[in-house]
Amino acid sequence: MTRFAALLVAACIAAASVPADARVIYKLVDRKGQVTYVDQRPKAFDGEVTEIVVPDTPATAVAPAPLPAKPAASESPAKGVTDINSQRRDAREKLQLALDRARARLEAAKKALADGGDPQDDELQVIIQRFDASKDRPDAAGPRGNCTRVPTDNGGSLWSCPVMTPGEKFRERQKSLEEAVLAAEAEVDAAEKAFRRGTD
């Protein structure tokens, strides 16, 4: 077989083994080590020839790598943890605010009770106190300056002394103030229990 026939057979074999969507280039290395790439096998080259099969895929056919999909909200543990922590913090703040308000109302109720110990003018009533005056001299002064001597049916006498004293209206107001303190104490107790449950 001649050299030309051998080259032709080799070329046919190479062409048959190359995929239809690929092309062949040749790496040429001459005796000086210089490298050259060509797309056709040289007929007369005194050096090393290496056949390289390159897929013939257009650059535009290469699809860009898809961007990573964003995880759904339910698949994002960091966001979920942040949301839970935020909800817990908000709940603690609301419970603390409710407790602070309950304590403030209790202090106000206690102060109102303490300041309301003196009867108002419209809460006073006049009562008459009587003391035996039979043993006192006729010209003796009464127990108080506003007392007067009053004769009795048996020939004796009494001192009649008018006195201003808190009436029913005052007692009702005091009872209301005391009940307000009790209600405020119960509210503080409930708010403290709610705060402990919400922060445990």
N, C-alpha and C. Protein backbone atom coordinates (compact mmCIF):
# COMPACT_ATOMS: atom_id res chain seq x y z
N MET A 1 0.86 -1.19 0.00
CA MET A 1 0.00 0.00 0.00
C MET A 1 0.88 1.23 0.00
N THR A 2 0.56 2.18 -0.85
CA THR A 2 1.35 3.41 -0.94
C THR A 2 1.03 4.30 0.25
N ARG A 3 1.89 5.28 0.48
CA ARG A 3 1.70 6.21 1.61
C ARG A 3 0.42 6.99 1.43
N PHE A 4 0.08 7.37 0.24
CA PHE A 4 -1.14 8.13 -0.02
C PHE A 4 -2.36 7.29 0.33
N ALA A 5 -2.34 6.02 -0.05
CA ALA A 5 -3.46 5.14 0.25
C ALA A 5 -3.62 4.96 1.74
N ALA A 6 -2.47 4.86 2.44
CA ALA A 6 -2.52 4.70 3.90
C ALA A 6 -3.14 5.93 4.55
N LEU A 7 -2.74 7.11 4.09
CA LEU A 7 -3.30 8.36 4.64
C LEU A 7 -4.79 8.45 4.36
N LEU A 8 -5.21 8.02 3.18
CA LEU A 8 -6.62 8.07 2.81
C LEU A 8 -7.44 7.14 3.69
N VAL A 9 -6.92 5.94 3.93
CA VAL A 9 -7.62 5.00 4.81
C VAL A 9 -7.73 5.57 6.22
N ALA A 10 -6.64 6.17 6.70
CA ALA A 10 -6.64 6.74 8.05
C ALA A 10 -7.65 7.87 8.14
N ALA A 11 -7.71 8.68 7.08
CA ALA A 11 -8.65 9.81 7.07
C ALA A 11 -10.07 9.30 7.09
N CYS A 12 -10.37 8.24 6.34
CA CYS A 12 -11.72 7.67 6.31
C CYS A 12 -12.11 7.10 7.66
N ILE A 13 -11.15 6.41 8.28
CA ILE A 13 -11.41 5.85 9.62
C ILE A 13 -11.69 6.96 10.61
N ALA A 14 -10.87 8.03 10.54
CA ALA A 14 -11.04 9.16 11.46
C ALA A 14 -12.38 9.84 11.23
N ALA A 15 -12.76 10.01 9.98
CA ALA A 15 -14.03 10.66 9.66
C ALA A 15 -15.20 9.83 10.15
N ALA A 16 -15.08 8.54 10.07
CA ALA A 16 -16.17 7.66 10.50
C ALA A 16 -16.34 7.68 12.01
N SER A 17 -15.22 7.91 12.75
CA SER A 17 -15.28 7.90 14.22
C SER A 17 -15.65 9.25 14.80
N VAL A 18 -15.74 10.27 13.96
CA VAL A 18 -16.05 11.61 14.46
C VAL A 18 -17.56 11.79 14.49
N PRO A 19 -18.14 12.21 15.56
CA PRO A 19 -19.58 12.43 15.61
C PRO A 19 -20.01 13.45 14.59
N ALA A 20 -21.31 13.38 14.19
CA ALA A 20 -21.80 14.28 13.15
C ALA A 20 -21.80 15.72 13.61
N ASP A 21 -21.96 15.94 14.93
CA ASP A 21 -22.02 17.31 15.42
C ASP A 21 -20.68 17.77 15.98
N ALA A 22 -19.60 17.20 15.47
CA ALA A 22 -18.26 17.58 15.93
C ALA A 22 -17.39 17.92 14.71
N ARG A 23 -16.33 18.61 14.97
CA ARG A 23 -15.36 18.91 13.91
C ARG A 23 -13.97 18.54 14.41
N VAL A 24 -13.05 18.41 13.46
CA VAL A 24 -11.70 17.96 13.79
C VAL A 24 -10.72 19.09 13.48
N ILE A 25 -9.82 19.34 14.44
CA ILE A 25 -8.69 20.23 14.17
C ILE A 25 -7.42 19.44 14.42
N TYR A 26 -6.34 19.98 13.94
CA TYR A 26 -5.06 19.26 14.02
C TYR A 26 -4.03 20.13 14.71
N LYS A 27 -3.36 19.50 15.63
CA LYS A 27 -2.27 20.16 16.33
C LYS A 27 -0.96 19.73 15.67
N LEU A 28 -0.22 20.73 15.19
CA LEU A 28 1.05 20.46 14.50
C LEU A 28 2.19 20.92 15.37
N VAL A 29 3.15 20.04 15.59
CA VAL A 29 4.36 20.39 16.35
C VAL A 29 5.54 20.09 15.45
N ASP A 30 6.25 21.16 15.05
CA ASP A 30 7.40 20.92 14.15
C ASP A 30 8.62 20.53 14.97
N ARG A 31 9.73 20.36 14.29
CA ARG A 31 10.96 19.89 14.96
C ARG A 31 11.51 20.90 15.95
N LYS A 32 11.15 22.16 15.79
CA LYS A 32 11.62 23.19 16.73
C LYS A 32 10.69 23.32 17.94
N GLY A 33 9.61 22.53 17.96
CA GLY A 33 8.68 22.57 19.08
C GLY A 33 7.59 23.62 18.93
N GLN A 34 7.54 24.28 17.78
CA GLN A 34 6.51 25.29 17.56
C GLN A 34 5.17 24.60 17.30
N VAL A 35 4.12 25.07 17.97
CA VAL A 35 2.79 24.45 17.89
C VAL A 35 1.90 25.31 17.01
N THR A 36 1.17 24.64 16.14
CA THR A 36 0.22 25.31 15.26
C THR A 36 -1.04 24.46 15.18
N TYR A 37 -2.21 25.13 15.11
CA TYR A 37 -3.48 24.42 14.97
C TYR A 37 -4.09 24.76 13.61
N VAL A 38 -4.51 23.73 12.89
CA VAL A 38 -5.13 23.92 11.58
C VAL A 38 -6.37 23.03 11.51
N ASP A 39 -7.31 23.40 10.59
CA ASP A 39 -8.54 22.61 10.48
C ASP A 39 -8.49 21.57 9.38
N GLN A 40 -7.36 21.48 8.69
CA GLN A 40 -7.19 20.44 7.66
C GLN A 40 -5.84 19.77 7.88
N ARG A 41 -5.84 18.44 7.71
CA ARG A 41 -4.58 17.71 7.89
C ARG A 41 -3.63 18.09 6.75
N PRO A 42 -2.43 18.53 7.07
CA PRO A 42 -1.48 18.89 6.00
C PRO A 42 -1.02 17.65 5.23
N LYS A 43 -0.86 17.83 3.94
CA LYS A 43 -0.43 16.70 3.10
C LYS A 43 1.04 16.41 3.28
N ALA A 44 1.83 17.45 3.46
CA ALA A 44 3.27 17.23 3.62
C ALA A 44 3.73 18.05 4.82
N PHE A 45 3.91 17.36 5.98
CA PHE A 45 4.37 18.05 7.18
C PHE A 45 5.37 17.16 7.89
N ASP A 46 6.55 17.70 8.08
CA ASP A 46 7.64 16.93 8.70
C ASP A 46 7.64 17.21 10.20
N GLY A 47 6.73 16.64 10.91
CA GLY A 47 6.62 16.83 12.36
C GLY A 47 5.48 15.98 12.91
N GLU A 48 5.12 16.30 14.14
CA GLU A 48 4.08 15.51 14.82
C GLU A 48 2.71 16.12 14.56
N VAL A 49 1.75 15.27 14.17
CA VAL A 49 0.38 15.71 13.89
C VAL A 49 -0.56 15.00 14.88
N THR A 50 -1.35 15.80 15.62
CA THR A 50 -2.31 15.23 16.59
C THR A 50 -3.70 15.69 16.21
N GLU A 51 -4.60 14.72 16.07
CA GLU A 51 -5.98 15.02 15.70
C GLU A 51 -6.80 15.28 16.97
N ILE A 52 -7.56 16.37 16.95
CA ILE A 52 -8.39 16.75 18.11
C ILE A 52 -9.82 16.91 17.64
N VAL A 53 -10.75 16.19 18.30
CA VAL A 53 -12.17 16.28 17.97
C VAL A 53 -12.81 17.33 18.88
N VAL A 54 -13.44 18.32 18.26
CA VAL A 54 -14.07 19.41 19.01
C VAL A 54 -15.57 19.39 18.71
N PRO A 55 -16.44 19.33 19.73
CA PRO A 55 -17.89 19.39 19.48
C PRO A 55 -18.25 20.67 18.75
N ASP A 56 -19.04 20.52 17.70
CA ASP A 56 -19.41 21.68 16.89
C ASP A 56 -20.73 22.26 17.40
N THR A 57 -20.73 22.79 18.63
CA THR A 57 -21.94 23.35 19.24
C THR A 57 -21.84 24.86 19.24
N PRO A 58 -22.78 25.55 18.64
CA PRO A 58 -22.71 27.00 18.63
C PRO A 58 -22.67 27.56 20.03
N ALA A 59 -22.01 28.69 20.16
CA ALA A 59 -21.89 29.32 21.49
C ALA A 59 -23.25 29.73 22.02
N THR A 60 -24.14 30.06 21.08
CA THR A 60 -25.46 30.51 21.54
C THR A 60 -26.30 29.36 22.07
N ALA A 61 -25.90 28.13 21.74
CA ALA A 61 -26.69 27.00 22.20
C ALA A 61 -26.41 26.65 23.66
N VAL A 62 -25.38 27.23 24.20
CA VAL A 62 -25.03 26.93 25.58
C VAL A 62 -25.96 27.73 26.48
N ALA A 63 -26.80 27.05 27.19
CA ALA A 63 -27.76 27.74 28.06
C ALA A 63 -27.06 28.22 29.32
N PRO A 64 -27.36 29.42 29.74
CA PRO A 64 -26.74 29.89 30.98
C PRO A 64 -27.21 29.07 32.17
N ALA A 65 -26.35 28.98 33.12
CA ALA A 65 -26.70 28.21 34.32
C ALA A 65 -27.88 28.88 35.00
N PRO A 66 -28.89 28.11 35.37
CA PRO A 66 -30.06 28.74 36.01
C PRO A 66 -29.71 29.30 37.38
N LEU A 67 -30.35 30.41 37.70
CA LEU A 67 -30.13 31.00 39.02
C LEU A 67 -30.77 30.12 40.07
N PRO A 68 -30.16 30.03 41.24
CA PRO A 68 -30.77 29.21 42.29
C PRO A 68 -32.13 29.76 42.68
N ALA A 69 -33.09 28.88 42.80
CA ALA A 69 -34.45 29.31 43.16
C ALA A 69 -34.47 29.82 44.59
N LYS A 70 -35.26 30.85 44.78
CA LYS A 70 -35.40 31.38 46.14
C LYS A 70 -36.21 30.40 46.97
N PRO A 71 -35.74 30.11 48.16
CA PRO A 71 -36.50 29.18 48.99
C PRO A 71 -37.82 29.79 49.41
N ALA A 72 -38.82 28.96 49.48
CA ALA A 72 -40.12 29.44 49.96
C ALA A 72 -40.01 29.88 51.40
N ALA A 73 -40.98 30.71 51.81
CA ALA A 73 -40.94 31.24 53.17
C ALA A 73 -40.90 30.12 54.19
N SER A 74 -41.65 29.03 53.90
CA SER A 74 -41.68 27.92 54.86
C SER A 74 -40.38 27.14 54.88
N GLU A 75 -39.54 27.32 53.81
CA GLU A 75 -38.28 26.58 53.74
C GLU A 75 -37.11 27.43 54.22
N SER A 76 -37.38 28.61 54.75
CA SER A 76 -36.32 29.51 55.19
C SER A 76 -36.26 29.51 56.71
N PRO A 77 -35.42 28.64 57.30
CA PRO A 77 -35.40 28.55 58.76
C PRO A 77 -34.97 29.84 59.43
N ALA A 78 -34.04 30.57 58.79
CA ALA A 78 -33.56 31.79 59.44
C ALA A 78 -34.69 32.80 59.56
N LYS A 79 -35.49 32.95 58.49
CA LYS A 79 -36.61 33.89 58.53
C LYS A 79 -37.65 33.43 59.54
N GLY A 80 -37.90 32.13 59.57
CA GLY A 80 -38.88 31.61 60.51
C GLY A 80 -38.49 31.88 61.95
N VAL A 81 -37.21 31.66 62.26
CA VAL A 81 -36.71 31.91 63.61
C VAL A 81 -36.83 33.38 63.96
N THR A 82 -36.50 34.24 62.98
CA THR A 82 -36.59 35.69 63.21
C THR A 82 -38.03 36.09 63.50
N ASP A 83 -38.98 35.53 62.72
CA ASP A 83 -40.39 35.86 62.93
C ASP A 83 -40.85 35.41 64.32
N ILE A 84 -40.46 34.22 64.73
CA ILE A 84 -40.87 33.72 66.05
C ILE A 84 -40.28 34.59 67.16
N ASN A 85 -39.01 34.94 67.02
CA ASN A 85 -38.38 35.79 68.03
C ASN A 85 -39.06 37.15 68.10
N SER A 86 -39.41 37.69 66.93
CA SER A 86 -40.09 38.99 66.89
C SER A 86 -41.45 38.90 67.56
N GLN A 87 -42.18 37.81 67.30
CA GLN A 87 -43.49 37.64 67.92
C GLN A 87 -43.36 37.51 69.44
N ARG A 88 -42.36 36.78 69.88
CA ARG A 88 -42.16 36.62 71.33
C ARG A 88 -41.79 37.95 71.98
N ARG A 89 -40.94 38.70 71.30
CA ARG A 89 -40.56 40.00 71.85
C ARG A 89 -41.77 40.93 71.94
N ASP A 90 -42.60 40.95 70.90
CA ASP A 90 -43.79 41.79 70.92
C ASP A 90 -44.75 41.36 72.03
N ALA A 91 -44.88 40.04 72.20
CA ALA A 91 -45.78 39.53 73.25
C ALA A 91 -45.27 39.94 74.64
N ARG A 92 -43.95 39.84 74.85
CA ARG A 92 -43.38 40.24 76.15
C ARG A 92 -43.61 41.72 76.40
N GLU A 93 -43.43 42.54 75.36
CA GLU A 93 -43.63 43.98 75.53
C GLU A 93 -45.08 44.31 75.88
N LYS A 94 -46.03 43.62 75.24
CA LYS A 94 -47.44 43.86 75.54
C LYS A 94 -47.79 43.42 76.96
N LEU A 95 -47.24 42.26 77.38
CA LEU A 95 -47.50 41.79 78.74
C LEU A 95 -46.89 42.73 79.77
N GLN A 96 -45.68 43.23 79.49
CA GLN A 96 -45.04 44.17 80.41
C GLN A 96 -45.83 45.47 80.50
N LEU A 97 -46.33 45.94 79.37
CA LEU A 97 -47.13 47.16 79.36
C LEU A 97 -48.40 46.98 80.17
N ALA A 98 -49.07 45.83 80.01
CA ALA A 98 -50.29 45.56 80.78
C ALA A 98 -49.99 45.50 82.27
N LEU A 99 -48.84 44.91 82.63
CA LEU A 99 -48.46 44.83 84.05
C LEU A 99 -48.16 46.22 84.61
N ASP A 100 -47.44 47.03 83.85
CA ASP A 100 -47.12 48.38 84.31
C ASP A 100 -48.39 49.21 84.51
N ARG A 101 -49.34 49.07 83.62
CA ARG A 101 -50.60 49.82 83.75
C ARG A 101 -51.39 49.36 84.97
N ALA A 102 -51.41 48.04 85.21
CA ALA A 102 -52.12 47.52 86.37
C ALA A 102 -51.49 48.02 87.67
N ARG A 103 -50.17 48.05 87.72
CA ARG A 103 -49.49 48.56 88.92
C ARG A 103 -49.75 50.04 89.11
N ALA A 104 -49.78 50.79 88.02
CA ALA A 104 -50.06 52.23 88.13
C ALA A 104 -51.48 52.46 88.65
N ARG A 105 -52.45 51.66 88.18
CA ARG A 105 -53.82 51.80 88.67
C ARG A 105 -53.92 51.45 90.16
N LEU A 106 -53.15 50.46 90.58
CA LEU A 106 -53.15 50.10 92.00
C LEU A 106 -52.59 51.24 92.84
N GLU A 107 -51.50 51.83 92.42
CA GLU A 107 -50.92 52.95 93.17
C GLU A 107 -51.91 54.12 93.23
N ALA A 108 -52.58 54.39 92.12
CA ALA A 108 -53.56 55.48 92.10
C ALA A 108 -54.72 55.18 93.05
N ALA A 109 -55.17 53.92 93.08
CA ALA A 109 -56.28 53.55 93.96
C ALA A 109 -55.88 53.67 95.43
N LYS A 110 -54.67 53.26 95.77
CA LYS A 110 -54.19 53.38 97.15
C LYS A 110 -54.07 54.85 97.56
N LYS A 111 -53.59 55.67 96.65
CA LYS A 111 -53.45 57.10 96.95
C LYS A 111 -54.81 57.75 97.14
N ALA A 112 -55.77 57.36 96.29
CA ALA A 112 -57.12 57.92 96.43
C ALA A 112 -57.73 57.53 97.77
N LEU A 113 -57.48 56.30 98.22
CA LEU A 113 -58.01 55.86 99.51
C LEU A 113 -57.35 56.63 100.65
N ALA A 114 -56.03 56.81 100.54
CA ALA A 114 -55.32 57.53 101.60
C ALA A 114 -55.74 59.00 101.65
N ASP A 115 -55.91 59.60 100.49
CA ASP A 115 -56.28 61.02 100.45
C ASP A 115 -57.76 61.24 100.78
N GLY A 116 -58.56 60.18 100.69
CA GLY A 116 -60.00 60.33 100.92
C GLY A 116 -60.43 60.06 102.34
N GLY A 117 -59.49 60.10 103.27
CA GLY A 117 -59.84 59.80 104.66
C GLY A 117 -60.62 60.89 105.33
N ASP A 118 -60.53 62.11 104.84
CA ASP A 118 -61.27 63.22 105.46
C ASP A 118 -62.60 63.40 104.75
N PRO A 119 -63.68 63.53 105.50
CA PRO A 119 -64.99 63.72 104.87
C PRO A 119 -65.11 65.07 104.19
N GLN A 120 -65.84 65.12 103.10
CA GLN A 120 -66.14 66.36 102.41
C GLN A 120 -67.29 67.07 103.13
N ASP A 121 -67.46 68.34 102.79
CA ASP A 121 -68.50 69.12 103.47
C ASP A 121 -69.88 68.49 103.30
N ASP A 122 -70.13 67.97 102.07
CA ASP A 122 -71.46 67.40 101.84
C ASP A 122 -71.60 65.99 102.38
N GLU A 123 -70.55 65.48 103.01
CA GLU A 123 -70.60 64.14 103.58
C GLU A 123 -70.76 64.18 105.11
N LEU A 124 -70.91 65.37 105.67
CA LEU A 124 -71.05 65.51 107.11
C LEU A 124 -72.51 65.58 107.50
N GLN A 125 -72.76 65.13 108.70
CA GLN A 125 -74.11 65.25 109.26
C GLN A 125 -74.00 65.67 110.73
N VAL A 126 -75.07 66.25 111.24
CA VAL A 126 -75.08 66.72 112.63
C VAL A 126 -75.82 65.70 113.48
N ILE A 127 -75.16 65.31 114.57
CA ILE A 127 -75.82 64.46 115.56
C ILE A 127 -75.78 65.20 116.90
N ILE A 128 -76.70 64.84 117.78
CA ILE A 128 -76.78 65.48 119.08
C ILE A 128 -76.29 64.50 120.13
N GLN A 129 -75.25 64.92 120.82
CA GLN A 129 -74.76 64.12 121.94
C GLN A 129 -75.33 64.71 123.24
N ARG A 130 -75.74 63.85 124.14
CA ARG A 130 -76.34 64.30 125.41
C ARG A 130 -75.54 63.75 126.59
N PHE A 131 -75.35 64.63 127.56
CA PHE A 131 -74.62 64.26 128.78
C PHE A 131 -75.46 64.70 129.99
N ASP A 132 -75.35 63.92 131.04
CA ASP A 132 -76.09 64.25 132.26
C ASP A 132 -75.54 65.54 132.86
N ALA A 133 -76.41 66.48 133.10
CA ALA A 133 -75.99 67.77 133.69
C ALA A 133 -76.60 67.99 135.07
N SER A 134 -77.26 66.96 135.66
CA SER A 134 -77.95 67.13 136.93
C SER A 134 -77.00 67.47 138.07
N LYS A 135 -75.78 66.97 138.01
CA LYS A 135 -74.85 67.20 139.11
C LYS A 135 -74.05 68.48 138.93
N ASP A 136 -74.18 69.10 137.77
CA ASP A 136 -73.42 70.34 137.53
C ASP A 136 -74.18 71.51 138.14
N ARG A 137 -73.43 72.49 138.56
CA ARG A 137 -74.05 73.70 139.10
C ARG A 137 -74.88 74.37 138.01
N PRO A 138 -75.87 75.08 138.37
CA PRO A 138 -76.71 75.74 137.35
C PRO A 138 -75.93 76.71 136.46
N ASP A 139 -74.87 77.29 137.01
CA ASP A 139 -74.10 78.24 136.20
C ASP A 139 -72.86 77.62 135.55
N ALA A 140 -72.72 76.29 135.63
CA ALA A 140 -71.54 75.62 135.06
C ALA A 140 -71.61 75.63 133.54
N ALA A 141 -70.42 75.66 132.94
CA ALA A 141 -70.33 75.61 131.47
C ALA A 141 -70.46 74.16 131.01
N GLY A 142 -70.93 74.01 129.78
CA GLY A 142 -71.10 72.67 129.25
C GLY A 142 -69.78 72.04 128.80
N PRO A 143 -69.80 70.80 128.40
CA PRO A 143 -68.58 70.12 127.97
C PRO A 143 -67.92 70.80 126.78
N ARG A 144 -68.73 71.40 125.94
CA ARG A 144 -68.18 72.14 124.79
C ARG A 144 -68.91 73.47 124.70
N GLY A 145 -68.35 74.32 123.92
CA GLY A 145 -68.93 75.66 123.83
C GLY A 145 -70.29 75.72 123.17
N ASN A 146 -70.62 74.75 122.38
CA ASN A 146 -71.91 74.77 121.68
C ASN A 146 -72.97 73.94 122.40
N CYS A 147 -72.71 73.50 123.62
CA CYS A 147 -73.66 72.70 124.37
C CYS A 147 -74.66 73.61 125.12
N THR A 148 -75.85 73.12 125.21
CA THR A 148 -76.88 73.85 125.97
C THR A 148 -77.50 72.89 127.00
N ARG A 149 -77.96 73.52 128.12
CA ARG A 149 -78.59 72.71 129.16
C ARG A 149 -80.07 72.55 128.82
N VAL A 150 -80.52 71.30 128.91
CA VAL A 150 -81.91 70.98 128.59
C VAL A 150 -82.54 70.28 129.80
N PRO A 151 -83.69 70.79 130.31
CA PRO A 151 -84.33 70.13 131.47
C PRO A 151 -84.99 68.81 131.07
N THR A 152 -85.04 67.92 132.00
CA THR A 152 -85.68 66.62 131.76
C THR A 152 -87.00 66.57 132.51
N ASP A 153 -87.80 65.53 132.21
CA ASP A 153 -89.11 65.40 132.83
C ASP A 153 -89.02 65.11 134.33
N ASN A 154 -87.95 64.57 134.79
CA ASN A 154 -87.83 64.21 136.21
C ASN A 154 -87.17 65.31 137.03
N GLY A 155 -87.07 66.49 136.49
CA GLY A 155 -86.51 67.62 137.22
C GLY A 155 -85.01 67.77 137.06
N GLY A 156 -84.40 66.91 136.38
CA GLY A 156 -82.97 67.02 136.14
C GLY A 156 -82.68 67.83 134.87
N SER A 157 -81.45 67.68 134.38
CA SER A 157 -81.07 68.39 133.13
C SER A 157 -80.01 67.58 132.38
N LEU A 158 -79.93 67.89 131.10
CA LEU A 158 -78.94 67.26 130.20
C LEU A 158 -78.22 68.33 129.43
N TRP A 159 -77.01 68.03 129.14
CA TRP A 159 -76.29 68.87 128.18
C TRP A 159 -76.57 68.33 126.78
N SER A 160 -77.04 69.18 125.89
CA SER A 160 -77.30 68.82 124.49
C SER A 160 -76.21 69.46 123.64
N CYS A 161 -75.38 68.60 123.04
CA CYS A 161 -74.20 69.09 122.31
C CYS A 161 -74.26 68.62 120.85
N PRO A 162 -74.50 69.53 119.88
CA PRO A 162 -74.47 69.13 118.47
C PRO A 162 -73.03 68.84 118.01
N VAL A 163 -72.89 67.79 117.22
CA VAL A 163 -71.56 67.37 116.73
C VAL A 163 -71.65 67.06 115.24
N MET A 164 -70.67 67.56 114.47
CA MET A 164 -70.55 67.23 113.04
C MET A 164 -69.79 65.92 112.91
N THR A 165 -70.34 64.97 112.18
CA THR A 165 -69.70 63.66 112.02
C THR A 165 -69.91 63.15 110.60
N PRO A 166 -68.98 62.29 110.09
CA PRO A 166 -69.18 61.74 108.74
C PRO A 166 -70.49 60.96 108.66
N GLY A 167 -71.19 61.17 107.52
CA GLY A 167 -72.47 60.51 107.35
C GLY A 167 -72.39 59.30 106.41
N GLU A 168 -73.54 58.85 105.99
CA GLU A 168 -73.64 57.67 105.15
C GLU A 168 -72.94 57.88 103.80
N LYS A 169 -73.02 59.08 103.28
CA LYS A 169 -72.37 59.37 101.99
C LYS A 169 -70.86 59.18 102.08
N PHE A 170 -70.28 59.58 103.22
CA PHE A 170 -68.83 59.40 103.41
C PHE A 170 -68.49 57.92 103.49
N ARG A 171 -69.29 57.14 104.21
CA ARG A 171 -69.01 55.72 104.35
C ARG A 171 -69.13 54.99 103.01
N GLU A 172 -70.08 55.40 102.20
CA GLU A 172 -70.22 54.79 100.89
C GLU A 172 -69.00 55.09 100.00
N ARG A 173 -68.51 56.33 100.11
CA ARG A 173 -67.34 56.68 99.30
C ARG A 173 -66.11 55.90 99.76
N GLN A 174 -65.94 55.77 101.06
CA GLN A 174 -64.81 54.99 101.58
C GLN A 174 -64.89 53.54 101.13
N LYS A 175 -66.08 52.98 101.15
CA LYS A 175 -66.25 51.59 100.71
C LYS A 175 -65.89 51.46 99.23
N SER A 176 -66.28 52.43 98.42
CA SER A 176 -65.96 52.39 96.99
C SER A 176 -64.46 52.47 96.76
N LEU A 177 -63.76 53.32 97.52
CA LEU A 177 -62.31 53.44 97.39
C LEU A 177 -61.61 52.14 97.81
N GLU A 178 -62.09 51.52 98.85
CA GLU A 178 -61.50 50.25 99.30
C GLU A 178 -61.72 49.15 98.26
N GLU A 179 -62.90 49.12 97.66
CA GLU A 179 -63.17 48.12 96.62
C GLU A 179 -62.31 48.37 95.39
N ALA A 180 -62.02 49.63 95.08
CA ALA A 180 -61.16 49.94 93.94
C ALA A 180 -59.74 49.42 94.18
N VAL A 181 -59.26 49.52 95.42
CA VAL A 181 -57.94 48.99 95.74
C VAL A 181 -57.92 47.48 95.59
N LEU A 182 -58.95 46.80 96.09
CA LEU A 182 -59.01 45.34 95.97
C LEU A 182 -59.05 44.90 94.51
N ALA A 183 -59.82 45.61 93.69
CA ALA A 183 -59.90 45.27 92.27
C ALA A 183 -58.57 45.49 91.58
N ALA A 184 -57.88 46.58 91.93
CA ALA A 184 -56.57 46.86 91.33
C ALA A 184 -55.54 45.82 91.75
N GLU A 185 -55.60 45.36 93.00
CA GLU A 185 -54.68 44.31 93.45
C GLU A 185 -54.92 43.01 92.68
N ALA A 186 -56.19 42.68 92.45
CA ALA A 186 -56.50 41.47 91.68
C ALA A 186 -56.01 41.61 90.24
N GLU A 187 -56.12 42.81 89.67
CA GLU A 187 -55.66 43.03 88.30
C GLU A 187 -54.14 42.88 88.21
N VAL A 188 -53.42 43.41 89.19
CA VAL A 188 -51.96 43.27 89.21
C VAL A 188 -51.58 41.80 89.34
N ASP A 189 -52.27 41.08 90.19
CA ASP A 189 -51.97 39.65 90.36
C ASP A 189 -52.17 38.90 89.05
N ALA A 190 -53.26 39.17 88.35
CA ALA A 190 -53.53 38.51 87.07
C ALA A 190 -52.49 38.90 86.02
N ALA A 191 -52.10 40.17 86.00
CA ALA A 191 -51.10 40.63 85.02
C ALA A 191 -49.74 40.01 85.30
N GLU A 192 -49.38 39.84 86.56
CA GLU A 192 -48.09 39.22 86.90
C GLU A 192 -48.08 37.75 86.48
N LYS A 193 -49.19 37.05 86.71
CA LYS A 193 -49.26 35.64 86.31
C LYS A 193 -49.19 35.51 84.79
N ALA A 194 -49.88 36.39 84.06
CA ALA A 194 -49.85 36.36 82.60
C ALA A 194 -48.45 36.65 82.09
N PHE A 195 -47.75 37.56 82.73
CA PHE A 195 -46.38 37.90 82.32
C PHE A 195 -45.45 36.71 82.52
N ARG A 196 -45.59 36.03 83.66
CA ARG A 196 -44.73 34.86 83.92
C ARG A 196 -45.02 33.75 82.93
N ARG A 197 -46.30 33.50 82.64
CA ARG A 197 -46.63 32.46 81.67
C ARG A 197 -46.09 32.80 80.27
N GLY A 198 -46.17 34.08 79.92
CA GLY A 198 -45.75 34.49 78.59
C GLY A 198 -44.28 34.58 78.40
N THR A 199 -43.49 34.61 79.47
CA THR A 199 -42.04 34.74 79.34
C THR A 199 -41.29 33.47 79.73
N ASP A 200 -42.01 32.48 80.24
CA ASP A 200 -41.34 31.20 80.59
C ASP A 200 -40.98 30.41 79.34
